[in-house]
Protein backbone atom coordinates (compact mmCIF):
# COMPACT_ATOMS: atom_id res chain seq x y z
CA UNK A 1 54.54 -80.21 -75.88
CA UNK A 2 51.28 -80.40 -77.82
CA UNK A 3 49.97 -82.93 -75.29
CA UNK A 4 50.67 -80.49 -72.42
CA UNK A 5 48.81 -77.69 -74.19
CA UNK A 6 45.81 -79.97 -74.49
CA UNK A 7 45.34 -80.04 -70.69
CA UNK A 8 42.84 -77.40 -69.56
CA UNK A 9 44.29 -74.48 -67.60
CA UNK A 10 41.80 -74.96 -64.73
CA UNK A 11 42.97 -78.54 -64.23
CA UNK A 12 46.64 -77.58 -64.27
CA UNK A 13 46.10 -74.74 -61.79
CA UNK A 14 44.19 -76.85 -59.26
CA UNK A 15 46.33 -77.43 -56.14
CA UNK A 16 46.93 -80.89 -54.83
CA UNK A 17 44.78 -81.89 -51.89
CA UNK A 18 46.67 -81.55 -48.60
CA UNK A 19 47.02 -84.80 -46.66
CA UNK A 20 44.86 -85.05 -43.57
CA UNK A 21 46.84 -84.66 -40.34
CA UNK A 22 45.78 -87.13 -37.67
CA UNK A 23 46.91 -86.53 -34.10
CA UNK A 24 48.94 -89.33 -32.58
CA UNK A 25 46.91 -91.21 -30.04
CA UNK A 26 48.55 -91.56 -26.63
CA UNK A 27 46.31 -93.82 -24.54
CA UNK A 28 48.92 -94.34 -21.82
CA UNK A 29 49.06 -90.58 -21.19
CA UNK A 30 45.33 -90.50 -20.47
CA UNK A 31 45.54 -93.61 -18.29
CA UNK A 32 48.35 -92.03 -16.27
CA UNK A 33 46.36 -88.79 -15.90
CA UNK A 34 43.29 -90.67 -14.65
CA UNK A 35 45.37 -92.64 -12.15
CA UNK A 36 47.07 -89.51 -10.83
CA UNK A 37 43.75 -87.67 -10.46
CA UNK A 38 42.20 -90.67 -8.73
CA UNK A 39 45.14 -90.89 -6.29
CA UNK A 40 45.02 -87.14 -5.66
CA UNK A 41 41.27 -87.24 -5.07
CA UNK A 42 41.57 -90.16 -2.66
CA UNK A 43 44.29 -88.33 -0.73
CA UNK A 44 42.23 -85.15 -0.45
CA UNK A 45 39.16 -87.08 0.72
CA UNK A 46 41.23 -89.00 3.26
CA UNK A 47 42.82 -85.86 4.69
CA UNK A 48 39.48 -84.03 4.82
CA UNK A 49 37.52 -86.84 6.45
CA UNK A 50 40.08 -88.43 8.77
CA UNK A 51 39.02 -87.39 12.30
CA UNK A 52 42.57 -87.83 13.59
CA UNK A 53 43.60 -84.63 11.82
CA UNK A 54 41.21 -82.73 14.15
CA UNK A 55 40.52 -79.89 11.75
CA UNK A 56 38.26 -78.26 14.34
CA UNK A 57 41.29 -77.87 16.61
CA UNK A 58 43.31 -76.47 13.70
CA UNK A 59 40.62 -73.86 13.09
CA UNK A 60 40.46 -73.00 16.80
CA UNK A 61 44.21 -72.32 17.09
CA UNK A 62 44.84 -70.98 13.57
CA UNK A 63 44.56 -67.28 14.45
CA UNK A 64 45.32 -67.25 18.16
CA UNK A 65 47.55 -64.39 19.40
CA UNK A 66 50.45 -66.74 20.18
CA UNK A 67 50.43 -68.22 16.67
CA UNK A 68 50.08 -64.81 14.99
CA UNK A 69 52.96 -63.45 17.08
CA UNK A 70 55.12 -66.36 15.97
CA UNK A 71 54.08 -65.82 12.37
CA UNK A 72 54.98 -62.14 12.59
CA UNK A 73 58.43 -62.93 14.00
CA UNK A 74 58.98 -65.50 11.24
CA UNK A 75 58.11 -62.93 8.56
CA UNK A 76 60.29 -60.30 10.25
CA UNK A 77 63.27 -62.66 10.47
CA UNK A 78 62.81 -63.61 6.80
CA UNK A 79 62.70 -59.98 5.66
CA UNK A 80 65.70 -58.88 7.74
CA UNK A 81 67.73 -61.91 6.70
CA UNK A 82 67.07 -61.36 3.01
CA UNK A 83 67.70 -57.60 3.03
CA UNK A 84 70.89 -57.71 5.08
CA UNK A 85 72.02 -60.98 3.51
CA UNK A 86 71.76 -59.65 -0.04
CA UNK A 87 73.33 -56.34 0.93
CA UNK A 88 76.35 -58.15 2.34
CA UNK A 89 76.22 -60.72 -0.48
CA UNK A 90 76.31 -58.00 -3.14
CA UNK A 91 79.40 -56.48 -1.53
CA UNK A 92 81.03 -59.92 -1.41
CA UNK A 93 80.18 -60.56 -5.07
CA UNK A 94 81.79 -57.26 -6.10
CA UNK A 95 84.85 -58.09 -4.00
CA UNK A 96 85.01 -61.57 -5.57
CA UNK A 97 85.02 -60.04 -9.06
CA UNK A 98 87.50 -57.34 -8.09
CA UNK A 99 90.94 -57.21 -9.62
CA UNK A 100 92.37 -56.79 -6.12
CA UNK A 101 93.63 -60.26 -5.08
CA UNK A 102 93.26 -59.46 -1.37
CA UNK A 103 89.58 -58.50 -1.68
CA UNK A 104 88.87 -61.42 -3.99
CA UNK A 105 90.60 -63.84 -1.62
CA UNK A 106 88.77 -62.58 1.45
CA UNK A 107 85.42 -62.84 -0.34
CA UNK A 108 86.21 -66.35 -1.57
CA UNK A 109 87.24 -67.43 1.94
CA UNK A 110 84.06 -66.02 3.48
CA UNK A 111 81.85 -67.80 0.95
CA UNK A 112 83.78 -71.05 1.36
CA UNK A 113 83.56 -71.00 5.16
CA UNK A 114 79.90 -70.05 5.63
CA UNK A 115 78.72 -72.42 2.92
CA UNK A 116 80.68 -75.24 4.55
CA UNK A 117 79.34 -74.92 8.10
CA UNK A 118 75.67 -75.96 8.60
CA UNK A 119 73.39 -73.12 9.65
CA UNK A 120 72.33 -75.02 12.79
CA UNK A 121 75.96 -75.23 13.91
CA UNK A 122 76.37 -71.50 13.23
CA UNK A 123 73.30 -70.62 15.29
CA UNK A 124 74.43 -72.76 18.23
CA UNK A 125 77.91 -71.27 18.01
CA UNK A 126 76.66 -67.67 18.11
CA UNK A 127 74.21 -68.56 20.86
CA UNK A 128 77.13 -69.79 23.00
CA UNK A 129 79.65 -67.13 21.95
CA UNK A 130 79.69 -65.90 25.55
CA UNK A 131 81.83 -68.91 26.43
CA UNK A 132 84.60 -67.43 24.28
CA UNK A 133 83.99 -63.73 24.90
CA UNK A 134 82.17 -63.21 28.21
CA UNK A 135 82.35 -59.43 27.80
CA UNK A 136 81.98 -57.36 24.63
CA UNK A 137 83.22 -53.79 24.38
CA UNK A 138 86.01 -51.61 25.73
CA UNK A 139 86.31 -50.20 29.21
CA UNK A 140 83.19 -48.41 30.34
CA UNK A 141 81.42 -49.32 27.10
CA UNK A 142 81.59 -53.05 27.70
CA UNK A 143 78.74 -55.34 28.71
CA UNK A 144 78.22 -59.06 29.32
CA UNK A 145 77.76 -60.95 26.08
CA UNK A 146 74.64 -62.73 27.32
CA UNK A 147 72.97 -59.35 27.82
CA UNK A 148 73.81 -58.10 24.32
CA UNK A 149 73.21 -61.23 22.28
CA UNK A 150 69.73 -62.52 22.98
CA UNK A 151 67.95 -65.20 21.03
CA UNK A 152 66.57 -62.93 18.28
CA UNK A 153 69.85 -61.06 17.82
CA UNK A 154 71.74 -64.35 17.64
CA UNK A 155 69.26 -65.66 15.06
CA UNK A 156 69.67 -62.55 12.90
CA UNK A 157 73.48 -62.73 13.01
CA UNK A 158 73.60 -66.43 12.19
CA UNK A 159 71.01 -66.32 9.41
CA UNK A 160 72.41 -63.17 7.77
CA UNK A 161 76.00 -64.42 7.71
CA UNK A 162 74.84 -67.75 6.30
CA UNK A 163 72.53 -66.17 3.72
CA UNK A 164 75.15 -63.69 2.52
CA UNK A 165 77.44 -66.50 1.35
CA UNK A 166 74.74 -67.89 -0.95
CA UNK A 167 73.50 -64.46 -2.01
CA UNK A 168 77.04 -63.55 -3.08
CA UNK A 169 77.13 -66.42 -5.57
CA UNK A 170 73.66 -65.56 -6.88
CA UNK A 171 74.65 -61.93 -7.46
CA UNK A 172 78.00 -62.91 -8.95
CA UNK A 173 76.28 -65.23 -11.41
CA UNK A 174 73.89 -62.46 -12.40
CA UNK A 175 76.73 -59.98 -12.95
CA UNK A 176 78.64 -62.50 -15.07
CA UNK A 177 75.53 -63.03 -17.22
CA UNK A 178 75.75 -59.41 -18.47
CA UNK A 179 77.79 -59.02 -21.64
CA UNK A 180 81.19 -57.45 -20.94
CA UNK A 181 80.68 -55.07 -23.87
CA UNK A 182 78.07 -53.21 -21.82
CA UNK A 183 80.65 -52.21 -19.22
CA UNK A 184 83.27 -51.42 -21.86
CA UNK A 185 80.88 -49.11 -23.67
CA UNK A 186 79.98 -47.35 -20.44
CA UNK A 187 83.66 -46.90 -19.59
CA UNK A 188 84.24 -45.39 -23.01
CA UNK A 189 81.56 -42.81 -22.17
CA UNK A 190 83.46 -41.88 -19.01
CA UNK A 191 81.21 -43.52 -16.43
CA UNK A 192 82.77 -44.59 -13.15
CA UNK A 193 82.86 -48.25 -12.12
CA UNK A 194 80.36 -47.68 -9.31
CA UNK A 195 77.93 -45.94 -11.65
CA UNK A 196 78.36 -48.68 -14.26
CA UNK A 197 77.57 -51.32 -11.67
CA UNK A 198 74.54 -49.44 -10.34
CA UNK A 199 73.05 -48.15 -13.60
CA UNK A 200 74.16 -50.65 -16.24
CA UNK A 201 75.18 -54.03 -14.86
CA UNK A 202 72.82 -54.69 -11.94
CA UNK A 203 69.59 -53.71 -13.77
CA UNK A 204 70.44 -56.16 -16.56
CA UNK A 205 71.63 -58.80 -14.12
CA UNK A 206 68.31 -58.79 -12.28
CA UNK A 207 66.82 -61.02 -14.95
CA UNK A 208 69.24 -63.76 -13.86
CA UNK A 209 69.26 -62.86 -10.16
CA UNK A 210 65.52 -62.80 -9.42
CA UNK A 211 64.64 -66.52 -9.89
CA UNK A 212 67.34 -67.93 -7.57
CA UNK A 213 66.85 -65.02 -5.16
CA UNK A 214 63.14 -65.77 -4.92
CA UNK A 215 63.97 -69.42 -4.35
CA UNK A 216 66.31 -68.35 -1.53
CA UNK A 217 63.54 -66.17 -0.07
CA UNK A 218 61.16 -69.11 0.17
CA UNK A 219 63.94 -71.29 1.54
CA UNK A 220 64.75 -68.67 4.15
CA UNK A 221 61.10 -68.44 5.18
CA UNK A 222 61.08 -72.15 5.93
CA UNK A 223 64.64 -72.16 7.23
CA UNK A 224 63.80 -69.68 9.98
CA UNK A 225 62.03 -72.54 11.75
CA UNK A 226 65.48 -73.74 12.79
CA UNK A 227 65.76 -70.82 15.24
CA UNK A 228 63.35 -72.71 17.49
CA UNK A 229 66.38 -74.65 18.78
CA UNK A 230 67.61 -71.47 20.50
CA UNK A 231 64.16 -70.69 21.94
CA UNK A 232 63.24 -67.89 19.54
CA UNK A 233 59.45 -67.60 19.45
CA UNK A 234 58.93 -68.03 15.74
CA UNK A 235 55.91 -69.79 14.23
CA UNK A 236 57.18 -73.31 14.87
CA UNK A 237 58.31 -72.59 18.44
CA UNK A 238 54.97 -70.95 19.20
CA UNK A 239 52.98 -74.03 18.20
CA UNK A 240 55.46 -76.22 20.04
CA UNK A 241 54.79 -74.31 23.25
CA UNK A 242 51.07 -74.86 22.79
CA UNK A 243 51.19 -78.59 22.04
CA UNK A 244 53.63 -79.16 24.90
CA UNK A 245 50.78 -78.04 27.18
CA UNK A 246 47.76 -79.68 25.53
CA UNK A 247 49.51 -82.61 23.72
CA UNK A 248 47.62 -81.86 20.47
CA UNK A 249 50.76 -82.31 18.39
CA UNK A 250 49.32 -83.06 14.94
CA UNK A 251 46.70 -80.28 14.84
CA UNK A 252 49.21 -77.66 16.00
CA UNK A 253 51.79 -78.80 13.45
CA UNK A 254 49.06 -78.50 10.82
CA UNK A 255 48.48 -74.91 11.94
CA UNK A 256 52.13 -74.10 11.21
CA UNK A 257 52.01 -76.06 7.95
CA UNK A 258 48.98 -74.20 6.63
CA UNK A 259 50.51 -70.83 7.48
CA UNK A 260 53.75 -71.78 5.69
CA UNK A 261 51.70 -72.87 2.66
CA UNK A 262 49.80 -69.58 2.58
CA UNK A 263 52.87 -67.37 2.87
CA UNK A 264 54.85 -69.44 0.37
CA UNK A 265 51.98 -69.22 -2.12
CA UNK A 266 51.87 -65.43 -1.78
CA UNK A 267 55.64 -65.21 -2.26
CA UNK A 268 55.41 -67.43 -5.34
CA UNK A 269 52.81 -65.11 -6.88
CA UNK A 270 55.03 -62.13 -6.12
CA UNK A 271 58.00 -63.93 -7.67
CA UNK A 272 56.05 -64.43 -10.90
CA UNK A 273 55.30 -60.72 -11.30
CA UNK A 274 58.81 -59.61 -10.33
CA UNK A 275 60.30 -62.02 -12.88
CA UNK A 276 57.83 -60.75 -15.48
CA UNK A 277 58.89 -57.17 -14.76
CA UNK A 278 62.62 -57.82 -15.16
CA UNK A 279 62.20 -60.08 -18.20
CA UNK A 280 60.81 -57.24 -20.32
CA UNK A 281 64.22 -56.44 -21.73
CA UNK A 282 64.90 -60.08 -22.62
CA UNK A 283 61.61 -60.62 -24.50
CA UNK A 284 59.87 -58.68 -27.22
CA UNK A 285 56.55 -59.10 -25.47
CA UNK A 286 55.79 -59.62 -21.80
CA UNK A 287 54.43 -63.04 -20.92
CA UNK A 288 50.68 -62.99 -20.23
CA UNK A 289 49.59 -63.08 -16.62
CA UNK A 290 47.53 -66.03 -15.34
CA UNK A 291 44.44 -63.79 -15.39
CA UNK A 292 45.10 -62.84 -19.02
CA UNK A 293 45.52 -66.50 -19.93
CA UNK A 294 42.26 -67.33 -18.20
CA UNK A 295 40.43 -64.57 -20.05
CA UNK A 296 41.95 -65.66 -23.33
CA UNK A 297 40.83 -69.25 -22.76
CA UNK A 298 37.21 -68.29 -22.04
CA UNK A 299 34.65 -67.82 -24.78
CA UNK A 300 34.88 -64.31 -26.14
CA UNK A 301 37.95 -63.48 -24.02
CA UNK A 302 40.30 -60.98 -25.61
């Protein structure tokens, strides 16, 4: 004990030096990054300088009235399909979760059938429905099927019925992600089931619904190109009509490709902000936007 008291207090109080932390070197990571960047750069240069792409032709046809009309119809079909598809899908999801075995069975059968049949087969079937029912209606209020179901109407029917089957499972998964205690508490307060679903369950389920729904939206945007097989003048069919006349296949396909890239990019940005909005209840702080991250990474950014 006397030996311990002989040690000066300043020496005993001095903290031990912390060991120096050296970052683990990963040379293969940097080599892989350089190779990927070199390959990407070579691809960009090749695409930009290859005269066979005929970028001047792409620029000439990019904003022609025929292409813009096809783009507008593509966007319209996408919007109508998503709105009506999710409206019907939400009803199917509620039926699937219902305690009524008849409603649950009908919803399950609908989802099973329309997820089993390819959308192309569905479109061709509806396009040729006049072979089964030449006339639609009753008595004086009947009309030939071919007059009532044109190409656009057939496309809407086929796409909506197909989309609703997938939307139903997305909505059902979102509803199941909400804790059952939320509904039980609302019932104890005397709220009706419809009000509970509208005011309690669905707002909380949106956090789980939005990501797959946005993925479906982008998939639907691209999937509308399939309506070209029934001569609907969407974006793809419009460029096909043009290159069938001038035989400039690659440049016209690039026109459609660039437009799909632009619209998909805009939808992806919108998806980010919608997800950020509905994730506020699941996080203590909202995730920073890309602009906020950029400002924070710059010198003096706050």
